[in-house]
PDB file of all heavy atoms in Angstrom:
ATOM      1  N   ASP A   1     153.542 156.918  74.364  1.00  0.00           N
ATOM      2  CA  ASP A   1     152.619 155.771  74.449  1.00  0.00           C
ATOM      3  C   ASP A   1     152.998 154.679  73.426  1.00  0.00           C
ATOM      4  O   ASP A   1     152.819 153.475  73.703  1.00  0.00           O
ATOM      5  CB  ASP A   1     151.202 156.242  74.172  1.00  0.00           C
ATOM      6  CG  ASP A   1     150.356 156.271  75.414  1.00  0.00           C
ATOM      7  OD1 ASP A   1     150.891 156.005  76.540  1.00  0.00           O
ATOM      8  OD2 ASP A   1     149.143 156.537  75.314  1.00  0.00           O
ATOM      9  N   ALA A   2     153.487 155.100  72.258  1.00  0.00           N
ATOM     10  CA  ALA A   2     153.817 154.136  71.215  1.00  0.00           C
ATOM     11  C   ALA A   2     155.298 153.673  71.266  1.00  0.00           C
ATOM     12  O   ALA A   2     155.685 152.855  70.423  1.00  0.00           O
ATOM     13  CB  ALA A   2     153.510 154.776  69.832  1.00  0.00           C
ATOM     14  N   TYR A   3     156.028 154.156  72.230  1.00  0.00           N
ATOM     15  CA  TYR A   3     157.459 153.786  72.325  1.00  0.00           C
ATOM     16  C   TYR A   3     157.593 152.263  72.564  1.00  0.00           C
ATOM     17  O   TYR A   3     156.821 151.721  73.368  1.00  0.00           O
ATOM     18  CB  TYR A   3     158.130 154.578  73.452  1.00  0.00           C
ATOM     19  CG  TYR A   3     159.631 154.591  73.385  1.00  0.00           C
ATOM     20  CD1 TYR A   3     160.311 155.269  72.399  1.00  0.00           C
ATOM     21  CD2 TYR A   3     160.378 153.825  74.320  1.00  0.00           C
ATOM     22  CE1 TYR A   3     161.691 155.226  72.357  1.00  0.00           C
ATOM     23  CE2 TYR A   3     161.751 153.781  74.256  1.00  0.00           C
ATOM     24  CZ  TYR A   3     162.396 154.500  73.262  1.00  0.00           C
ATOM     25  OH  TYR A   3     163.783 154.458  73.208  1.00  0.00           O
ATOM     26  N   PRO A   4     158.526 151.622  71.891  1.00  0.00           N
ATOM     27  CA  PRO A   4     158.641 150.151  71.991  1.00  0.00           C
ATOM     28  C   PRO A   4     158.832 149.627  73.413  1.00  0.00           C
ATOM     29  O   PRO A   4     158.246 148.574  73.773  1.00  0.00           O
ATOM     30  CB  PRO A   4     159.869 149.850  71.128  1.00  0.00           C
ATOM     31  CG  PRO A   4     159.991 150.989  70.183  1.00  0.00           C
ATOM     32  CD  PRO A   4     159.495 152.211  70.917  1.00  0.00           C
ATOM     33  N   SER A   5     159.604 150.308  74.208  1.00  0.00           N
ATOM     34  CA  SER A   5     159.829 149.874  75.585  1.00  0.00           C
ATOM     35  C   SER A   5     158.869 150.599  76.528  1.00  0.00           C
ATOM     36  O   SER A   5     158.704 151.828  76.423  1.00  0.00           O
ATOM     37  CB  SER A   5     161.281 150.155  76.043  1.00  0.00           C
ATOM     38  OG  SER A   5     162.174 149.503  75.185  1.00  0.00           O
ATOM     39  N   ARG A   6     158.210 149.871  77.404  1.00  0.00           N
ATOM     40  CA  ARG A   6     157.272 150.475  78.342  1.00  0.00           C
ATOM     41  C   ARG A   6     158.018 151.388  79.345  1.00  0.00           C
ATOM     42  O   ARG A   6     158.975 150.973  79.967  1.00  0.00           O
ATOM     43  CB  ARG A   6     156.498 149.427  79.095  1.00  0.00           C
ATOM     44  CG  ARG A   6     155.518 149.968  80.152  1.00  0.00           C
ATOM     45  CD  ARG A   6     154.483 150.860  79.551  1.00  0.00           C
ATOM     46  NE  ARG A   6     153.713 151.576  80.580  1.00  0.00           N
ATOM     47  CZ  ARG A   6     152.833 152.559  80.308  1.00  0.00           C
ATOM     48  NH1 ARG A   6     152.620 152.903  79.074  1.00  0.00           N
ATOM     49  NH2 ARG A   6     152.168 153.120  81.290  1.00  0.00           N
ATOM     50  N   ILE A   7     157.561 152.577  79.413  1.00  0.00           N
ATOM     51  CA  ILE A   7     158.115 153.570  80.344  1.00  0.00           C
ATOM     52  C   ILE A   7     157.023 154.034  81.291  1.00  0.00           C
ATOM     53  O   ILE A   7     155.909 154.347  80.868  1.00  0.00           O
ATOM     54  CB  ILE A   7     158.692 154.784  79.559  1.00  0.00           C
ATOM     55  CG1 ILE A   7     159.944 154.324  78.774  1.00  0.00           C
ATOM     56  CG2 ILE A   7     159.059 155.940  80.515  1.00  0.00           C
ATOM     57  CD1 ILE A   7     160.449 155.367  77.830  1.00  0.00           C
ATOM     58  N   ASN A   8     157.339 154.079  82.572  1.00  0.00           N
ATOM     59  CA  ASN A   8     156.365 154.501  83.560  1.00  0.00           C
ATOM     60  C   ASN A   8     156.703 155.862  84.182  1.00  0.00           C
ATOM     61  O   ASN A   8     155.808 156.627  84.521  1.00  0.00           O
ATOM     62  CB  ASN A   8     156.249 153.466  84.701  1.00  0.00           C
ATOM     63  CG  ASN A   8     155.699 152.145  84.179  1.00  0.00           C
ATOM     64  OD1 ASN A   8     154.649 152.106  83.565  1.00  0.00           O
ATOM     65  ND2 ASN A   8     156.463 151.067  84.421  1.00  0.00           N
ATOM     66  N   ARG A   9     157.982 156.119  84.367  1.00  0.00           N
ATOM     67  CA  ARG A   9     158.439 157.382  85.015  1.00  0.00           C
ATOM     68  C   ARG A   9     159.186 158.210  83.996  1.00  0.00           C
ATOM     69  O   ARG A   9     160.206 157.826  83.448  1.00  0.00           O
ATOM     70  CB  ARG A   9     159.301 157.063  86.220  1.00  0.00           C
ATOM     71  CG  ARG A   9     158.692 156.017  87.135  1.00  0.00           C
ATOM     72  CD  ARG A   9     159.530 155.791  88.398  1.00  0.00           C
ATOM     73  NE  ARG A   9     159.314 156.880  89.371  1.00  0.00           N
ATOM     74  CZ  ARG A   9     160.117 157.134  90.398  1.00  0.00           C
ATOM     75  NH1 ARG A   9     161.196 156.398  90.594  1.00  0.00           N
ATOM     76  NH2 ARG A   9     159.804 158.061  91.260  1.00  0.00           N
ATOM     77  N   VAL A  10     158.687 159.424  83.745  1.00  0.00           N
ATOM     78  CA  VAL A  10     159.215 160.285  82.679  1.00  0.00           C
ATOM     79  C   VAL A  10     159.781 161.574  83.281  1.00  0.00           C
ATOM     80  O   VAL A  10     159.064 162.326  83.959  1.00  0.00           O
ATOM     81  CB  VAL A  10     158.115 160.618  81.642  1.00  0.00           C
ATOM     82  CG1 VAL A  10     158.728 161.496  80.546  1.00  0.00           C
ATOM     83  CG2 VAL A  10     157.510 159.348  81.080  1.00  0.00           C
ATOM     84  N   GLY A  11     161.055 161.850  83.034  1.00  0.00           N
ATOM     85  CA  GLY A  11     161.675 163.061  83.511  1.00  0.00           C
ATOM     86  C   GLY A  11     161.459 164.201  82.502  1.00  0.00           C
ATOM     87  O   GLY A  11     161.220 163.987  81.332  1.00  0.00           O
ATOM     88  N   ILE A  12     161.504 165.427  83.033  1.00  0.00           N
ATOM     89  CA  ILE A  12     161.226 166.611  82.218  1.00  0.00           C
ATOM     90  C   ILE A  12     162.342 167.652  82.375  1.00  0.00           C
ATOM     91  O   ILE A  12     162.609 168.074  83.503  1.00  0.00           O
ATOM     92  CB  ILE A  12     159.890 167.251  82.627  1.00  0.00           C
ATOM     93  CG1 ILE A  12     158.756 166.236  82.626  1.00  0.00           C
ATOM     94  CG2 ILE A  12     159.547 168.441  81.713  1.00  0.00           C
ATOM     95  CD1 ILE A  12     157.579 166.642  83.502  1.00  0.00           C
ATOM     96  N   LEU A  13     162.952 168.037  81.281  1.00  0.00           N
ATOM     97  CA  LEU A  13     163.873 169.150  81.220  1.00  0.00           C
ATOM     98  C   LEU A  13     163.185 170.306  80.518  1.00  0.00           C
ATOM     99  O   LEU A  13     162.719 170.115  79.377  1.00  0.00           O
ATOM    100  CB  LEU A  13     165.162 168.765  80.475  1.00  0.00           C
ATOM    101  CG  LEU A  13     166.097 167.765  81.183  1.00  0.00           C
ATOM    102  CD1 LEU A  13     167.255 167.421  80.233  1.00  0.00           C
ATOM    103  CD2 LEU A  13     166.642 168.322  82.456  1.00  0.00           C
ATOM    104  N   SER A  14     163.088 171.458  81.147  1.00  0.00           N
ATOM    105  CA  SER A  14     162.333 172.562  80.562  1.00  0.00           C
ATOM    106  C   SER A  14     162.739 173.888  81.178  1.00  0.00           C
ATOM    107  O   SER A  14     163.511 173.961  82.129  1.00  0.00           O
ATOM    108  CB  SER A  14     160.848 172.321  80.741  1.00  0.00           C
ATOM    109  OG  SER A  14     160.473 172.505  82.117  1.00  0.00           O
ATOM    110  N   THR A  15     162.155 174.976  80.637  1.00  0.00           N
ATOM    111  CA  THR A  15     162.304 176.265  81.253  1.00  0.00           C
ATOM    112  C   THR A  15     161.479 176.349  82.505  1.00  0.00           C
ATOM    113  O   THR A  15     160.582 175.525  82.781  1.00  0.00           O
ATOM    114  CB  THR A  15     161.820 177.365  80.270  1.00  0.00           C
ATOM    115  OG1 THR A  15     160.387 177.221  80.067  1.00  0.00           O
ATOM    116  CG2 THR A  15     162.536 177.318  78.942  1.00  0.00           C
ATOM    117  N   THR A  16     161.714 177.387  83.295  1.00  0.00           N
ATOM    118  CA  THR A  16     160.939 177.598  84.526  1.00  0.00           C
ATOM    119  C   THR A  16     159.468 177.840  84.212  1.00  0.00           C
ATOM    120  O   THR A  16     158.594 177.368  84.927  1.00  0.00           O
ATOM    121  CB  THR A  16     161.520 178.771  85.334  1.00  0.00           C
ATOM    122  OG1 THR A  16     162.869 178.471  85.660  1.00  0.00           O
ATOM    123  CG2 THR A  16     160.723 179.007  86.599  1.00  0.00           C
ATOM    124  N   GLY A  17     159.182 178.566  83.096  1.00  0.00           N
ATOM    125  CA  GLY A  17     157.796 178.819  82.741  1.00  0.00           C
ATOM    126  C   GLY A  17     157.052 177.525  82.468  1.00  0.00           C
ATOM    127  O   GLY A  17     155.934 177.338  82.961  1.00  0.00           O
ATOM    128  N   THR A  18     157.621 176.647  81.681  1.00  0.00           N
ATOM    129  CA  THR A  18     156.990 175.360  81.392  1.00  0.00           C
ATOM    130  C   THR A  18     156.853 174.551  82.665  1.00  0.00           C
ATOM    131  O   THR A  18     155.811 173.905  82.915  1.00  0.00           O
ATOM    132  CB  THR A  18     157.812 174.582  80.331  1.00  0.00           C
ATOM    133  OG1 THR A  18     157.909 175.385  79.129  1.00  0.00           O
ATOM    134  CG2 THR A  18     157.154 173.282  79.973  1.00  0.00           C
ATOM    135  N   TRP A  19     157.887 174.585  83.480  1.00  0.00           N
ATOM    136  CA  TRP A  19     157.906 173.806  84.751  1.00  0.00           C
ATOM    137  C   TRP A  19     156.791 174.260  85.659  1.00  0.00           C
ATOM    138  O   TRP A  19     156.017 173.465  86.190  1.00  0.00           O
ATOM    139  CB  TRP A  19     159.288 173.989  85.417  1.00  0.00           C
ATOM    140  CG  TRP A  19     159.434 173.203  86.680  1.00  0.00           C
ATOM    141  CD1 TRP A  19     159.709 171.851  86.805  1.00  0.00           C
ATOM    142  CD2 TRP A  19     159.433 173.728  87.998  1.00  0.00           C
ATOM    143  NE1 TRP A  19     159.817 171.534  88.117  1.00  0.00           N
ATOM    144  CE2 TRP A  19     159.679 172.647  88.897  1.00  0.00           C
ATOM    145  CE3 TRP A  19     159.240 174.999  88.542  1.00  0.00           C
ATOM    146  CZ2 TRP A  19     159.720 172.835  90.261  1.00  0.00           C
ATOM    147  CZ3 TRP A  19     159.285 175.149  89.928  1.00  0.00           C
ATOM    148  CH2 TRP A  19     159.532 174.072  90.766  1.00  0.00           C
ATOM    149  N   LYS A  20     156.674 175.594  85.839  1.00  0.00           N
ATOM    150  CA  LYS A  20     155.644 176.126  86.780  1.00  0.00           C
ATOM    151  C   LYS A  20     154.245 175.990  86.230  1.00  0.00           C
ATOM    152  O   LYS A  20     153.289 175.884  87.011  1.00  0.00           O
ATOM    153  CB  LYS A  20     155.937 177.597  87.072  1.00  0.00           C
ATOM    154  CG  LYS A  20     157.167 177.773  88.033  1.00  0.00           C
ATOM    155  CD  LYS A  20     157.260 179.179  88.545  1.00  0.00           C
ATOM    156  CE  LYS A  20     158.321 179.271  89.616  1.00  0.00           C
ATOM    157  NZ  LYS A  20     158.451 180.650  90.173  1.00  0.00           N
ATOM    158  N   SER A  21     154.092 175.967  84.930  1.00  0.00           N
ATOM    159  CA  SER A  21     152.737 175.825  84.343  1.00  0.00           C
ATOM    160  C   SER A  21     152.184 174.434  84.537  1.00  0.00           C
ATOM    161  O   SER A  21     150.986 174.214  84.458  1.00  0.00           O
ATOM    162  CB  SER A  21     152.765 176.170  82.875  1.00  0.00           C
ATOM    163  OG  SER A  21     153.391 175.147  82.120  1.00  0.00           O
ATOM    164  N   GLY A  22     153.116 173.436  84.800  1.00  0.00           N
ATOM    165  CA  GLY A  22     152.679 172.068  84.983  1.00  0.00           C
ATOM    166  C   GLY A  22     152.209 171.406  83.735  1.00  0.00           C
ATOM    167  O   GLY A  22     151.562 170.354  83.755  1.00  0.00           O
ATOM    168  N   VAL A  23     152.538 171.975  82.538  1.00  0.00           N
ATOM    169  CA  VAL A  23     151.972 171.464  81.318  1.00  0.00           C
ATOM    170  C   VAL A  23     152.355 170.050  81.029  1.00  0.00           C
ATOM    171  O   VAL A  23     151.527 169.190  80.655  1.00  0.00           O
ATOM    172  CB  VAL A  23     152.356 172.394  80.108  1.00  0.00           C
ATOM    173  CG1 VAL A  23     153.858 172.491  79.917  1.00  0.00           C
ATOM    174  CG2 VAL A  23     151.678 171.956  78.847  1.00  0.00           C
ATOM    175  N   TYR A  24     153.628 169.650  81.289  1.00  0.00           N
ATOM    176  CA  TYR A  24     154.021 168.258  81.069  1.00  0.00           C
ATOM    177  C   TYR A  24     153.599 167.357  82.241  1.00  0.00           C
ATOM    178  O   TYR A  24     153.066 166.254  81.950  1.00  0.00           O
ATOM    179  CB  TYR A  24     155.547 168.182  80.847  1.00  0.00           C
ATOM    180  CG  TYR A  24     155.877 168.324  79.366  1.00  0.00           C
ATOM    181  CD1 TYR A  24     156.589 169.411  78.910  1.00  0.00           C
ATOM    182  CD2 TYR A  24     155.520 167.348  78.452  1.00  0.00           C
ATOM    183  CE1 TYR A  24     156.896 169.553  77.556  1.00  0.00           C
ATOM    184  CE2 TYR A  24     155.822 167.461  77.101  1.00  0.00           C
ATOM    185  CZ  TYR A  24     156.513 168.586  76.636  1.00  0.00           C
ATOM    186  OH  TYR A  24     156.809 168.703  75.330  1.00  0.00           O
ATOM    187  N   PRO A  25     153.813 167.718  83.496  1.00  0.00           N
ATOM    188  CA  PRO A  25     153.321 166.832  84.563  1.00  0.00           C
ATOM    189  C   PRO A  25     151.854 166.520  84.453  1.00  0.00           C
ATOM    190  O   PRO A  25     151.462 165.352  84.644  1.00  0.00           O
ATOM    191  CB  PRO A  25     153.655 167.630  85.819  1.00  0.00           C
ATOM    192  CG  PRO A  25     154.830 168.464  85.467  1.00  0.00           C
ATOM    193  CD  PRO A  25     154.591 168.868  84.009  1.00  0.00           C
ATOM    194  N   ASN A  26     151.034 167.503  84.137  1.00  0.00           N
ATOM    195  CA  ASN A  26     149.597 167.267  84.019  1.00  0.00           C
ATOM    196  C   ASN A  26     149.258 166.336  82.879  1.00  0.00           C
ATOM    197  O   ASN A  26     148.442 165.408  83.017  1.00  0.00           O
ATOM    198  CB  ASN A  26     148.854 168.612  83.827  1.00  0.00           C
ATOM    199  CG  ASN A  26     148.930 169.492  85.068  1.00  0.00           C
ATOM    200  OD1 ASN A  26     149.147 169.014  86.172  1.00  0.00           O
ATOM    201  ND2 ASN A  26     148.702 170.765  84.871  1.00  0.00           N
ATOM    202  N   ALA A  27     149.931 166.548  81.728  1.00  0.00           N
ATOM    203  CA  ALA A  27     149.676 165.666  80.589  1.00  0.00           C
ATOM    204  C   ALA A  27     150.159 164.243  80.865  1.00  0.00           C
ATOM    205  O   ALA A  27     149.458 163.272  80.521  1.00  0.00           O
ATOM    206  CB  ALA A  27     150.385 166.235  79.367  1.00  0.00           C
ATOM    207  N   LEU A  28     151.313 164.116  81.483  1.00  0.00           N
ATOM    208  CA  LEU A  28     151.861 162.787  81.775  1.00  0.00           C
ATOM    209  C   LEU A  28     150.938 162.009  82.753  1.00  0.00           C
ATOM    210  O   LEU A  28     150.642 160.836  82.545  1.00  0.00           O
ATOM    211  CB  LEU A  28     153.266 162.900  82.338  1.00  0.00           C
ATOM    212  CG  LEU A  28     154.363 163.275  81.331  1.00  0.00           C
ATOM    213  CD1 LEU A  28     155.628 163.736  82.070  1.00  0.00           C
ATOM    214  CD2 LEU A  28     154.681 162.093  80.426  1.00  0.00           C
ATOM    215  N   ARG A  29     150.452 162.696  83.757  1.00  0.00           N
ATOM    216  CA  ARG A  29     149.539 162.044  84.719  1.00  0.00           C
ATOM    217  C   ARG A  29     148.274 161.575  84.025  1.00  0.00           C
ATOM    218  O   ARG A  29     147.739 160.526  84.290  1.00  0.00           O
ATOM    219  CB  ARG A  29     149.244 162.989  85.855  1.00  0.00           C
ATOM    220  CG  ARG A  29     150.412 163.232  86.790  1.00  0.00           C
ATOM    221  CD  ARG A  29     149.977 163.989  88.060  1.00  0.00           C
ATOM    222  NE  ARG A  29     151.141 164.429  88.846  1.00  0.00           N
ATOM    223  CZ  ARG A  29     151.615 165.664  88.840  1.00  0.00           C
ATOM    224  NH1 ARG A  29     151.021 166.583  88.063  1.00  0.00           N
ATOM    225  NH2 ARG A  29     152.684 165.973  89.510  1.00  0.00           N
ATOM    226  N   ALA A  30     147.772 162.456  83.103  1.00  0.00           N
ATOM    227  CA  ALA A  30     146.549 162.105  82.382  1.00  0.00           C
ATOM    228  C   ALA A  30     146.716 160.877  81.530  1.00  0.00           C
ATOM    229  O   ALA A  30     145.745 160.117  81.325  1.00  0.00           O
ATOM    230  CB  ALA A  30     146.097 163.281  81.492  1.00  0.00           C
ATOM    231  N   TYR A  31     147.943 160.602  81.063  1.00  0.00           N
ATOM    232  CA  TYR A  31     148.211 159.419  80.259  1.00  0.00           C
ATOM    233  C   TYR A  31     148.710 158.244  81.095  1.00  0.00           C
ATOM    234  O   TYR A  31     149.080 157.213  80.555  1.00  0.00           O
ATOM    235  CB  TYR A  31     149.277 159.773  79.201  1.00  0.00           C
ATOM    236  CG  TYR A  31     148.661 160.311  77.934  1.00  0.00           C
ATOM    237  CD1 TYR A  31     148.219 161.642  77.862  1.00  0.00           C
ATOM    238  CD2 TYR A  31     148.530 159.536  76.789  1.00  0.00           C
ATOM    239  CE1 TYR A  31     147.688 162.145  76.681  1.00  0.00           C
ATOM    240  CE2 TYR A  31     147.983 160.030  75.604  1.00  0.00           C
ATOM    241  CZ  TYR A  31     147.547 161.359  75.606  1.00  0.00           C
ATOM    242  OH  TYR A  31     146.985 161.880  74.446  1.00  0.00           O
ATOM    243  N   GLY A  32     148.743 158.411  82.416  1.00  0.00           N
ATOM    244  CA  GLY A  32     149.119 157.302  83.307  1.00  0.00           C
ATOM    245  C   GLY A  32     150.593 157.204  83.599  1.00  0.00           C
ATOM    246  O   GLY A  32     151.027 156.165  84.121  1.00  0.00           O
ATOM    247  N   TYR A  33     151.355 158.232  83.367  1.00  0.00           N
ATOM    248  CA  TYR A  33     152.791 158.225  83.671  1.00  0.00           C
ATOM    249  C   TYR A  33     153.083 159.040  84.929  1.00  0.00           C
ATOM    250  O   TYR A  33     152.299 159.919  85.302  1.00  0.00           O
ATOM    251  CB  TYR A  33     153.596 158.855  82.488  1.00  0.00           C
ATOM    252  CG  TYR A  33     153.471 158.077  81.202  1.00  0.00           C
ATOM    253  CD1 TYR A  33     152.618 158.540  80.210  1.00  0.00           C
ATOM    254  CD2 TYR A  33     154.162 156.916  81.014  1.00  0.00           C
ATOM    255  CE1 TYR A  33     152.484 157.864  79.006  1.00  0.00           C
ATOM    256  CE2 TYR A  33     154.055 156.213  79.816  1.00  0.00           C
ATOM    257  CZ  TYR A  33     153.196 156.676  78.826  1.00  0.00           C
ATOM    258  OH  TYR A  33     153.062 155.999  77.633  1.00  0.00           O
ATOM    259  N   GLU A  34     154.189 158.721  85.554  1.00  0.00           N
ATOM    260  CA  GLU A  34     154.624 159.462  86.717  1.00  0.00           C
ATOM    261  C   GLU A  34     155.668 160.507  86.256  1.00  0.00           C
ATOM    262  O   GLU A  34     156.753 160.123  85.813  1.00  0.00           O
ATOM    263  CB  GLU A  34     155.251 158.550  87.795  1.00  0.00           C
ATOM    264  CG  GLU A  34     155.708 159.298  89.017  1.00  0.00           C
ATOM    265  CD  GLU A  34     156.394 158.415  90.027  1.00  0.00           C
ATOM    266  OE1 GLU A  34     156.343 157.180  89.899  1.00  0.00           O
ATOM    267  OE2 GLU A  34     156.977 158.959  90.975  1.00  0.00           O
ATOM    268  N   PRO A  35     155.355 161.808  86.388  1.00  0.00           N
ATOM    269  CA  PRO A  35     156.323 162.815  85.992  1.00  0.00           C
ATOM    270  C   PRO A  35     157.421 163.036  87.023  1.00  0.00           C
ATOM    271  O   PRO A  35     157.153 162.992  88.227  1.00  0.00           O
ATOM    272  CB  PRO A  35     155.475 164.073  85.849  1.00  0.00           C
ATOM    273  CG  PRO A  35     154.344 163.862  86.793  1.00  0.00           C
ATOM    274  CD  PRO A  35     154.069 162.380  86.827  1.00  0.00           C
TER     275      PRO A  35
END
């Protein structure tokens, strides 16, 4: 959110466990980003 350049679409590199849990996609959507 505080990054100098506005970013709308955020990619995620993670383990399968993190990927399946949706922890980052859910957080990103809550902050208005597209995961």
